[in-house]
Amino acid sequence: MQAIFDLRTNTAREILQKEKLANPRNGYVIYLEQYTDCVELIATEDVKIYEKIINGYEARMEQMEGMDDGTPQNEWLQAEILFQTGLAQVKFGTRVNGVYKMLSSYKRIKTHRQQYPGFWQNQKLTGMFNIILDNIPPFIRWAADIFGFNGDSGIGIYQLTEYGKKAKNFGGLAEESVIMTNLGYLLAKQEDEAFRFMSGQDPKILNIALVKYLYSNTASFVYRNDLTIKLLSEIKPDKLQVSFYAIPYSLGRCKLNHLEKDAKTYLEEFVNDYSVLDYKKAACNRLSYCYLLEGNLQKYQEYRAKVATVGQDIRDRDQEAILESKEPLVPHTGLLRARLLCDGGYFTMADSVMKVISPVSLNQPEYQLEYFYRKGRIFQLTGQPALAIQEFDIAFNQGKTLPYTYATRSALQLGNIYEDQQDYRSASNWYAKCIEVYSDSHTAAGVKDMAEKGEKRVKGKF
């Protein structure tokens, strides 16, 4: 398991082959062969690996059933294999079949918990399902509703934490518990808690490649761009046994947030050398910004047009890239610099950029709205909510009847600010306004989803 999470999948398979020869009825071998394939699929998004998982699924389950000795481990491992296969299908294959497998895994785990209440390994999947079902994407929510399944993120985080306390004594399971708990926090949109959790982990665990990548990713969510770049730079691709696409993409994105010249080198490597579909549109959009800031309008237009021809649009960032690349107006370079610096957590630098921009000089309504929205974000992220409210309120009122994203996003941030202040009535009002002015012609679906979740959170608190 440690080799798997260190993205040394060839080494993992060699270890498993030796164990298979020595103990041919060890069901953990079958489970970890599946696990190796799934982690390699996540890292590479290679369709051949996906086909291997799907084509081998029935045989692996039959092998597990043939080894069933009545112990709780066998049934638990079958539920795990079912979950992993379903997750792969949701992402890469037939969503309906994938959702069915995942919910079937959930039913098995629920039954297994009733049969073996003291079997602590069940807490991992139970915790993940609680979080997944509480934050389920709209495209599969209907399936959970049909089965009557629902979740609770708070309970899910608790279950994952309890799992981690037991798992820390077992090599492989310890690393897995850190990964799963971190993902649980992020799925539940608890980024600050996720970062604190990762920061407190054993340095040996944090040195495992996949764990380190997730730590870097979590750091980016809490605007620790310098730490993100440092951690990503410590993962050496030549030491890995898989082609991990996320390294060049994430490095390029974060370097652009710091306005570093070599950002485009990493983004172009990702676009040209990796066959994955996710984030290709986002990378091309970011590349267009790299060239725009350099003053190369030809390359800017080239990558802007390329957004429509590459990748897929499942991820929010890819959806945003489509919308932004369709905008007829070329971005204002000053506002763009402020946006990128703010995304990286360089708030003082972003504020300095904003101070030299006069709103009076902005001759386009879209620029004017972005100006107030950017100022609001800087105030919000530097702990000045009263000033942020003023700026977001201007952006909302001036933009609510215009076909731009800033009114919608301002309403969402106002909802967040009032929720943080425990003014739940005002928070609910702003989340409702966000949904009211939302349009998929100018804003990614994730914004509306966050507003709907916000309304759900504050409901009944006022």
Protein backbone atom coordinates (compact mmCIF):
# COMPACT_ATOMS: atom_id res chain seq x y z
CA MET A 1 0.00 0.00 0.00
CA GLN A 2 2.88 2.36 0.74
CA ALA A 3 4.32 1.66 -2.71
CA ILE A 4 0.90 2.26 -4.30
CA PHE A 5 0.51 5.66 -2.60
CA ASP A 6 4.10 6.56 -3.46
CA LEU A 7 3.07 6.01 -7.11
CA ARG A 8 5.53 3.12 -7.44
CA THR A 9 2.91 0.85 -8.95
CA ASN A 10 5.38 -1.52 -10.64
CA THR A 11 7.00 -2.13 -7.25
CA ALA A 12 3.57 -2.71 -5.71
CA ARG A 13 2.72 -5.31 -8.35
CA GLU A 14 6.02 -7.12 -7.78
CA ILE A 15 5.29 -7.33 -4.04
CA LEU A 16 1.77 -8.61 -4.73
CA GLN A 17 3.00 -11.22 -7.21
CA LYS A 18 5.40 -12.64 -4.61
CA GLU A 19 2.61 -12.80 -2.04
CA LYS A 20 0.27 -14.44 -4.55
CA LEU A 21 2.79 -17.22 -5.17
CA ALA A 22 3.39 -17.73 -1.46
CA ASN A 23 -0.28 -17.43 -0.38
CA PRO A 24 -2.61 -17.93 -3.37
CA ARG A 25 -5.74 -17.61 -1.20
CA ASN A 26 -4.89 -14.23 0.26
CA GLY A 27 -7.84 -12.06 -0.70
CA TYR A 28 -5.92 -8.89 0.12
CA VAL A 29 -3.80 -9.53 -2.97
CA ILE A 30 -6.86 -9.31 -5.23
CA TYR A 31 -8.05 -6.19 -3.43
CA LEU A 32 -4.66 -4.49 -3.68
CA GLU A 33 -4.27 -5.42 -7.35
CA GLN A 34 -7.53 -3.57 -7.90
CA TYR A 35 -6.32 -0.71 -5.70
CA THR A 36 -3.08 -0.42 -7.70
CA ASP A 37 -5.02 -0.19 -10.96
CA CYS A 38 -7.38 2.44 -9.54
CA VAL A 39 -4.61 4.69 -8.20
CA GLU A 40 -2.77 4.38 -11.51
CA LEU A 41 -6.02 5.33 -13.29
CA ILE A 42 -6.45 8.39 -11.09
CA ALA A 43 -2.87 9.49 -11.72
CA THR A 44 -2.81 8.91 -15.48
CA GLU A 45 -6.47 8.81 -16.63
CA ASP A 46 -5.31 6.17 -19.12
CA VAL A 47 -8.39 4.58 -20.74
CA LYS A 48 -6.54 1.25 -21.10
CA ILE A 49 -6.25 1.01 -17.31
CA TYR A 50 -9.95 1.78 -16.98
CA GLU A 51 -10.78 -1.01 -19.43
CA LYS A 52 -8.54 -3.35 -17.43
CA ILE A 53 -10.45 -2.53 -14.23
CA ILE A 54 -13.86 -3.05 -15.83
CA ASN A 55 -12.89 -6.18 -17.75
CA GLY A 56 -11.34 -7.73 -14.65
CA TYR A 57 -14.07 -6.75 -12.20
CA GLU A 58 -16.26 -9.87 -12.50
CA ALA A 59 -13.28 -12.23 -12.27
CA ARG A 60 -11.95 -10.49 -9.18
CA MET A 61 -15.32 -10.61 -7.45
CA GLU A 62 -15.69 -14.29 -8.33
CA GLN A 63 -12.24 -14.97 -6.89
CA MET A 64 -13.18 -13.17 -3.69
CA GLU A 65 -16.44 -15.10 -3.40
CA GLY A 66 -14.53 -18.36 -3.95
CA MET A 67 -12.24 -17.47 -1.05
CA ASP A 68 -15.10 -16.58 1.30
CA ASP A 69 -14.32 -18.27 4.59
CA GLY A 70 -17.04 -16.60 6.61
CA THR A 71 -14.74 -13.98 8.11
CA PRO A 72 -15.69 -10.27 8.04
CA GLN A 73 -12.59 -9.39 5.96
CA ASN A 74 -13.83 -11.05 2.78
CA GLU A 75 -17.20 -9.30 2.64
CA TRP A 76 -15.57 -5.98 3.52
CA LEU A 77 -12.99 -6.32 0.73
CA GLN A 78 -15.75 -7.12 -1.77
CA ALA A 79 -17.57 -3.91 -0.80
CA GLU A 80 -14.31 -1.98 -1.25
CA ILE A 81 -13.72 -3.45 -4.73
CA LEU A 82 -17.33 -2.66 -5.65
CA PHE A 83 -16.91 0.96 -4.49
CA GLN A 84 -13.65 1.47 -6.38
CA THR A 85 -15.06 0.03 -9.59
CA GLY A 86 -18.21 2.16 -9.32
CA LEU A 87 -16.15 5.29 -8.73
CA ALA A 88 -14.08 4.52 -11.85
CA GLN A 89 -17.24 4.01 -13.92
CA VAL A 90 -18.81 7.28 -12.74
CA LYS A 91 -15.69 9.13 -13.83
CA PHE A 92 -14.68 7.25 -16.98
CA GLY A 93 -17.57 5.08 -18.13
CA THR A 94 -21.32 4.64 -17.74
CA ARG A 95 -22.47 6.83 -14.86
CA VAL A 96 -25.64 4.84 -14.18
CA ASN A 97 -23.71 1.58 -13.79
CA GLY A 98 -21.09 3.32 -11.68
CA VAL A 99 -23.65 4.89 -9.35
CA TYR A 100 -25.41 1.53 -9.01
CA LYS A 101 -22.15 -0.15 -7.95
CA MET A 102 -21.31 2.59 -5.46
CA LEU A 103 -24.77 2.48 -3.86
CA SER A 104 -24.63 -1.33 -3.83
CA SER A 105 -21.32 -1.03 -1.98
CA TYR A 106 -23.01 1.30 0.50
CA LYS A 107 -25.79 -1.23 1.12
CA ARG A 108 -23.21 -3.96 1.73
CA ILE A 109 -21.27 -1.82 4.17
CA LYS A 110 -24.44 -0.92 6.10
CA THR A 111 -25.31 -4.62 6.42
CA HIS A 112 -21.71 -5.46 7.33
CA ARG A 113 -21.68 -2.86 10.12
CA GLN A 114 -24.81 -4.42 11.62
CA GLN A 115 -23.27 -7.91 11.46
CA TYR A 116 -19.83 -6.86 12.74
CA PRO A 117 -20.23 -3.68 14.87
CA GLY A 118 -16.68 -3.99 16.20
CA PHE A 119 -15.05 -4.22 12.76
CA TRP A 120 -13.35 -0.80 12.73
CA GLN A 121 -12.26 -0.93 9.07
CA ASN A 122 -15.90 -0.27 8.08
CA GLN A 123 -15.59 3.29 9.36
CA LYS A 124 -13.58 4.36 6.31
CA LEU A 125 -16.22 3.67 3.64
CA THR A 126 -19.06 4.57 6.00
CA GLY A 127 -17.45 7.93 6.64
CA MET A 128 -16.80 8.55 2.95
CA PHE A 129 -20.37 7.65 2.02
CA ASN A 130 -21.74 10.00 4.68
CA ILE A 131 -19.75 12.85 3.14
CA ILE A 132 -20.40 11.88 -0.50
CA LEU A 133 -24.15 11.56 0.03
CA ASP A 134 -24.26 14.91 1.86
CA ASN A 135 -22.40 16.64 -0.98
CA ILE A 136 -23.54 14.56 -3.92
CA PRO A 137 -23.18 16.16 -7.37
CA PRO A 138 -26.46 17.09 -9.09
CA PHE A 139 -25.94 14.60 -11.93
CA ILE A 140 -26.17 11.59 -9.57
CA ARG A 141 -28.34 13.02 -6.77
CA TRP A 142 -31.43 11.43 -8.29
CA ALA A 143 -30.04 7.93 -7.73
CA ALA A 144 -29.47 8.49 -4.02
CA ASP A 145 -32.99 9.92 -3.74
CA ILE A 146 -34.48 6.82 -5.36
CA PHE A 147 -32.74 4.56 -2.84
CA GLY A 148 -33.58 6.89 0.02
CA PHE A 149 -29.91 7.36 0.93
CA ASN A 150 -28.65 10.50 2.63
CA GLY A 151 -25.51 11.49 4.47
CA ASP A 152 -24.09 13.76 7.15
CA SER A 153 -20.67 15.35 6.61
CA GLY A 154 -20.10 15.95 10.31
CA ILE A 155 -20.66 12.29 11.15
CA GLY A 156 -18.58 11.27 8.15
CA ILE A 157 -15.57 13.34 9.28
CA TYR A 158 -15.90 11.87 12.78
CA GLN A 159 -15.95 8.33 11.38
CA LEU A 160 -12.88 8.96 9.21
CA THR A 161 -11.08 10.46 12.20
CA GLU A 162 -11.89 7.40 14.31
CA TYR A 163 -10.72 5.16 11.47
CA GLY A 164 -7.45 7.10 11.37
CA LYS A 165 -6.82 6.53 15.08
CA LYS A 166 -6.91 2.77 14.51
CA ALA A 167 -5.17 2.82 11.13
CA LYS A 168 -2.12 4.80 12.32
CA ASN A 169 -0.65 1.59 13.76
CA PHE A 170 -0.63 -0.16 10.36
CA GLY A 171 1.73 0.75 7.52
CA GLY A 172 -0.27 1.46 4.36
CA LEU A 173 -3.54 1.89 6.22
CA ALA A 174 -2.01 4.90 8.02
CA GLU A 175 -1.26 6.61 4.70
CA GLU A 176 -4.67 5.67 3.35
CA SER A 177 -6.44 7.13 6.38
CA VAL A 178 -4.66 10.46 5.87
CA ILE A 179 -5.63 10.50 2.19
CA MET A 180 -9.27 9.61 2.86
CA THR A 181 -9.70 12.05 5.74
CA ASN A 182 -8.15 14.85 3.69
CA LEU A 183 -10.48 14.09 0.77
CA GLY A 184 -13.39 13.96 3.19
CA TYR A 185 -12.65 17.46 4.49
CA LEU A 186 -12.30 18.80 0.94
CA LEU A 187 -15.53 17.16 -0.27
CA ALA A 188 -17.28 18.73 2.72
CA LYS A 189 -15.81 22.13 1.69
CA GLN A 190 -13.85 22.36 4.96
CA GLU A 191 -10.60 23.53 3.40
CA ASP A 192 -9.14 25.18 6.52
CA GLU A 193 -9.73 22.03 8.57
CA ALA A 194 -8.20 19.94 5.78
CA PHE A 195 -5.05 22.07 5.80
CA ARG A 196 -4.70 21.93 9.59
CA PHE A 197 -5.19 18.17 9.45
CA MET A 198 -2.50 17.69 6.79
CA SER A 199 -0.07 20.07 8.49
CA GLY A 200 -0.17 17.94 11.62
CA GLN A 201 0.75 14.65 9.96
CA ASP A 202 3.92 12.62 10.43
CA PRO A 203 6.61 13.92 8.01
CA LYS A 204 7.27 10.35 6.85
CA ILE A 205 3.67 10.03 5.68
CA LEU A 206 3.74 13.47 4.08
CA ASN A 207 6.78 12.37 2.06
CA ILE A 208 4.70 9.73 0.22
CA ALA A 209 4.13 11.11 -3.31
CA LEU A 210 0.32 10.99 -3.44
CA VAL A 211 0.00 12.30 0.14
CA LYS A 212 2.41 15.13 -0.66
CA TYR A 213 0.43 16.03 -3.76
CA LEU A 214 -2.81 16.14 -1.75
CA TYR A 215 -1.09 18.28 0.88
CA SER A 216 0.00 20.70 -1.88
CA ASN A 217 -3.52 20.73 -3.30
CA THR A 218 -4.98 21.48 0.11
CA ALA A 219 -2.47 24.30 0.62
CA SER A 220 -3.68 25.89 -2.62
CA PHE A 221 -7.27 25.91 -1.32
CA VAL A 222 -6.20 28.07 1.65
CA TYR A 223 -4.13 30.46 -0.49
CA ARG A 224 -0.71 29.05 0.48
CA ASN A 225 0.64 29.26 -3.04
CA ASP A 226 4.34 29.31 -2.10
CA LEU A 227 3.94 26.14 -0.03
CA THR A 228 2.03 24.51 -2.88
CA ILE A 229 4.86 25.22 -5.33
CA LYS A 230 7.45 23.97 -2.83
CA LEU A 231 5.64 20.68 -2.23
CA LEU A 232 4.94 20.06 -5.91
CA SER A 233 8.58 20.76 -6.77
CA GLU A 234 9.66 18.10 -4.27
CA ILE A 235 7.77 15.39 -6.20
CA LYS A 236 10.27 14.22 -8.80
CA PRO A 237 8.54 12.73 -11.88
CA ASP A 238 11.57 10.54 -12.66
CA LYS A 239 11.12 8.82 -9.27
CA LEU A 240 7.51 7.88 -10.03
CA GLN A 241 6.41 4.79 -11.93
CA VAL A 242 3.34 6.49 -13.39
CA SER A 243 2.94 9.57 -15.57
CA PHE A 244 1.25 11.86 -13.05
CA TYR A 245 -0.40 14.64 -15.06
CA ALA A 246 -1.37 16.73 -12.03
CA ILE A 247 2.22 17.81 -11.32
CA PRO A 248 2.83 20.00 -14.42
CA TYR A 249 -0.75 21.27 -14.47
CA SER A 250 -0.76 22.29 -10.81
CA LEU A 251 2.75 23.77 -10.97
CA GLY A 252 1.83 25.82 -14.02
CA ARG A 253 -1.37 27.07 -12.44
CA CYS A 254 0.32 28.04 -9.17
CA LYS A 255 3.29 29.69 -10.87
CA LEU A 256 0.87 31.77 -12.91
CA ASN A 257 -0.79 32.85 -9.65
CA HIS A 258 2.61 34.30 -8.72
CA LEU A 259 3.01 35.76 -12.23
CA GLU A 260 6.13 33.64 -12.83
CA LYS A 261 7.37 33.58 -16.42
CA ASP A 262 7.88 29.80 -16.57
CA ALA A 263 4.23 29.04 -15.76
CA LYS A 264 3.52 28.52 -19.44
CA THR A 265 6.31 25.91 -19.71
CA TYR A 266 4.51 23.61 -17.26
CA LEU A 267 1.06 24.29 -18.71
CA GLU A 268 2.25 23.61 -22.26
CA GLU A 269 3.90 20.39 -21.10
CA PHE A 270 0.58 19.30 -19.61
CA VAL A 271 -1.42 20.22 -22.73
CA ASN A 272 1.02 18.67 -25.21
CA ASP A 273 2.42 15.61 -23.38
CA TYR A 274 -0.51 14.20 -21.39
CA SER A 275 -3.57 12.50 -22.88
CA VAL A 276 -5.95 13.22 -19.98
CA LEU A 277 -9.22 15.05 -20.66
CA ASP A 278 -9.79 16.89 -17.37
CA TYR A 279 -8.28 20.36 -16.95
CA LYS A 280 -7.20 20.61 -20.59
CA LYS A 281 -9.64 23.46 -21.19
CA ALA A 282 -8.57 25.13 -17.95
CA ALA A 283 -4.90 24.82 -18.91
CA CYS A 284 -5.48 26.36 -22.34
CA ASN A 285 -7.41 29.20 -20.76
CA ARG A 286 -4.55 29.81 -18.32
CA LEU A 287 -2.06 29.70 -21.18
CA SER A 288 -4.06 32.37 -22.99
CA TYR A 289 -3.64 34.52 -19.86
CA CYS A 290 0.12 33.85 -19.76
CA TYR A 291 0.49 35.18 -23.28
CA LEU A 292 -1.93 38.06 -22.78
CA LEU A 293 0.14 39.30 -19.82
CA GLU A 294 3.25 39.07 -22.01
CA GLY A 295 1.52 41.14 -24.69
CA ASN A 296 1.43 38.28 -27.23
CA LEU A 297 -2.12 38.67 -28.54
CA GLN A 298 -1.65 36.09 -31.30
CA LYS A 299 -0.80 33.34 -28.82
CA TYR A 300 -3.54 34.60 -26.50
CA GLN A 301 -6.14 34.15 -29.24
CA GLU A 302 -4.67 30.79 -30.26
CA TYR A 303 -5.04 29.24 -26.81
CA ARG A 304 -8.35 30.97 -26.21
CA ALA A 305 -9.74 29.25 -29.32
CA LYS A 306 -8.15 25.95 -28.32
CA VAL A 307 -10.31 25.79 -25.16
CA ALA A 308 -13.25 24.68 -27.33
CA THR A 309 -11.33 21.86 -29.04
CA VAL A 310 -9.62 19.97 -26.21
CA GLY A 311 -10.60 17.93 -23.17
CA GLN A 312 -14.01 17.69 -21.54
CA ASP A 313 -16.16 19.91 -19.32
CA ILE A 314 -16.94 17.83 -16.23
CA ARG A 315 -14.79 19.88 -13.85
CA ASP A 316 -15.78 23.36 -12.65
CA ARG A 317 -12.46 24.78 -13.83
CA ASP A 318 -13.05 23.46 -17.33
CA GLN A 319 -16.59 24.86 -17.33
CA GLU A 320 -15.24 28.23 -16.24
CA ALA A 321 -12.63 28.08 -19.00
CA ILE A 322 -15.35 27.61 -21.62
CA LEU A 323 -17.33 30.57 -20.34
CA GLU A 324 -14.29 32.84 -20.01
CA SER A 325 -12.92 31.94 -23.45
CA LYS A 326 -16.27 32.83 -25.04
CA GLU A 327 -16.24 36.35 -23.61
CA PRO A 328 -15.85 38.78 -26.55
CA LEU A 329 -14.04 41.30 -24.36
CA VAL A 330 -10.30 40.80 -23.81
CA PRO A 331 -9.57 40.71 -20.06
CA HIS A 332 -8.24 43.87 -18.44
CA THR A 333 -4.61 42.99 -17.70
CA GLY A 334 -4.48 44.90 -14.42
CA LEU A 335 -7.61 43.21 -13.09
CA LEU A 336 -6.31 39.87 -14.36
CA ARG A 337 -3.04 40.30 -12.45
CA ALA A 338 -4.99 41.20 -9.31
CA ARG A 339 -7.21 38.14 -9.77
CA LEU A 340 -4.29 35.74 -10.16
CA LEU A 341 -2.34 37.19 -7.23
CA CYS A 342 -5.45 37.01 -5.06
CA ASP A 343 -6.00 33.37 -6.06
CA GLY A 344 -2.46 32.65 -4.86
CA GLY A 345 -2.89 34.42 -1.54
CA TYR A 346 -0.64 37.36 -2.44
CA PHE A 347 -3.18 39.82 -1.12
CA THR A 348 -0.84 42.77 -0.53
CA MET A 349 0.50 42.51 -4.08
CA ALA A 350 -3.05 42.19 -5.46
CA ASP A 351 -4.12 45.26 -3.48
CA SER A 352 -1.16 47.24 -4.88
CA VAL A 353 -2.25 46.37 -8.41
CA MET A 354 -5.83 47.43 -7.67
CA LYS A 355 -4.72 50.78 -6.22
CA VAL A 356 -3.28 51.93 -9.54
CA ILE A 357 -6.52 51.13 -11.39
CA SER A 358 -9.03 53.96 -11.43
CA PRO A 359 -12.63 52.72 -11.70
CA VAL A 360 -13.45 55.90 -13.60
CA SER A 361 -11.02 54.88 -16.34
CA LEU A 362 -12.72 51.52 -16.88
CA ASN A 363 -14.83 52.08 -19.98
CA GLN A 364 -16.61 48.70 -20.04
CA PRO A 365 -19.39 47.58 -17.64
CA GLU A 366 -17.70 44.17 -17.29
CA TYR A 367 -14.43 45.77 -16.17
CA GLN A 368 -16.28 47.98 -13.70
CA LEU A 369 -18.11 45.03 -12.14
CA GLU A 370 -14.93 42.99 -11.93
CA TYR A 371 -13.17 45.92 -10.24
CA PHE A 372 -15.68 46.00 -7.38
CA TYR A 373 -15.77 42.20 -7.13
CA ARG A 374 -11.96 41.95 -6.96
CA LYS A 375 -11.78 44.63 -4.28
CA GLY A 376 -14.46 42.77 -2.34
CA ARG A 377 -12.52 39.49 -2.54
CA ILE A 378 -9.31 41.11 -1.31
CA PHE A 379 -11.12 42.70 1.63
CA GLN A 380 -12.93 39.44 2.38
CA LEU A 381 -9.76 37.32 2.32
CA THR A 382 -7.81 39.80 4.46
CA GLY A 383 -10.39 39.82 7.25
CA GLN A 384 -12.20 43.08 6.45
CA PRO A 385 -15.80 41.89 5.98
CA ALA A 386 -17.45 45.32 6.39
CA LEU A 387 -15.44 46.74 3.48
CA ALA A 388 -15.96 43.56 1.45
CA ILE A 389 -19.74 43.86 1.89
CA GLN A 390 -19.68 47.38 0.46
CA GLU A 391 -17.81 46.30 -2.68
CA PHE A 392 -19.84 43.13 -3.26
CA ASP A 393 -23.06 45.06 -2.77
CA ILE A 394 -22.04 47.51 -5.53
CA ALA A 395 -21.06 44.65 -7.86
CA PHE A 396 -24.36 42.88 -7.23
CA ASN A 397 -26.65 45.87 -7.65
CA GLN A 398 -24.90 47.18 -10.74
CA GLY A 399 -24.57 43.76 -12.34
CA LYS A 400 -27.73 41.84 -11.44
CA THR A 401 -29.45 42.65 -14.75
CA LEU A 402 -26.31 42.26 -16.88
CA PRO A 403 -25.04 39.01 -18.50
CA TYR A 404 -21.87 38.76 -16.40
CA THR A 405 -20.83 36.48 -13.56
CA TYR A 406 -19.87 39.10 -10.96
CA ALA A 407 -23.33 39.74 -9.48
CA THR A 408 -23.90 36.02 -8.99
CA ARG A 409 -20.50 35.50 -7.40
CA SER A 410 -20.85 38.60 -5.24
CA ALA A 411 -24.15 37.30 -3.85
CA LEU A 412 -22.48 33.98 -3.03
CA GLN A 413 -19.63 35.70 -1.17
CA LEU A 414 -22.08 37.92 0.70
CA GLY A 415 -23.90 34.78 1.77
CA ASN A 416 -20.60 33.33 3.01
CA ILE A 417 -19.70 36.49 4.93
CA TYR A 418 -23.06 36.73 6.70
CA GLU A 419 -23.00 33.01 7.46
CA ASP A 420 -19.57 33.43 9.09
CA GLN A 421 -21.04 36.27 11.15
CA GLN A 422 -23.94 33.98 12.15
CA ASP A 423 -26.44 36.36 10.56
CA TYR A 424 -28.25 33.42 9.04
CA ARG A 425 -31.27 35.36 7.79
CA SER A 426 -29.07 37.67 5.71
CA ALA A 427 -26.97 34.72 4.56
CA SER A 428 -30.06 32.88 3.36
CA ASN A 429 -31.26 36.01 1.56
CA TRP A 430 -27.97 36.37 -0.34
CA TYR A 431 -27.74 32.68 -1.22
CA ALA A 432 -31.26 32.98 -2.65
CA LYS A 433 -30.23 36.06 -4.66
CA CYS A 434 -27.22 34.17 -6.01
CA ILE A 435 -29.52 31.43 -7.29
CA GLU A 436 -32.01 34.00 -8.60
CA VAL A 437 -29.49 35.82 -10.83
CA TYR A 438 -27.51 32.70 -11.76
CA SER A 439 -27.31 31.79 -15.43
CA ASP A 440 -25.29 28.97 -16.94
CA SER A 441 -24.49 31.30 -19.84
CA HIS A 442 -22.03 33.22 -17.67
CA THR A 443 -21.36 31.21 -14.49
CA ALA A 444 -20.21 27.63 -13.81
CA ALA A 445 -22.74 25.29 -12.17
CA GLY A 446 -20.54 24.93 -9.09
CA VAL A 447 -21.42 28.47 -7.97
CA LYS A 448 -25.13 27.70 -7.91
CA ASP A 449 -24.42 24.40 -6.18
CA MET A 450 -22.47 26.20 -3.43
CA ALA A 451 -25.34 28.66 -2.95
CA GLU A 452 -27.86 25.80 -2.68
CA LYS A 453 -25.67 24.07 -0.11
CA GLY A 454 -25.37 27.38 1.76
CA GLU A 455 -29.14 27.73 1.88
CA LYS A 456 -29.37 24.19 3.21
CA ARG A 457 -26.80 24.89 5.93
CA VAL A 458 -28.48 28.05 7.27
CA LYS A 459 -32.04 26.77 6.96
CA GLY A 460 -33.73 26.57 10.35
CA LYS A 461 -31.03 28.68 12.07
CA PHE A 462 -33.10 31.88 12.12
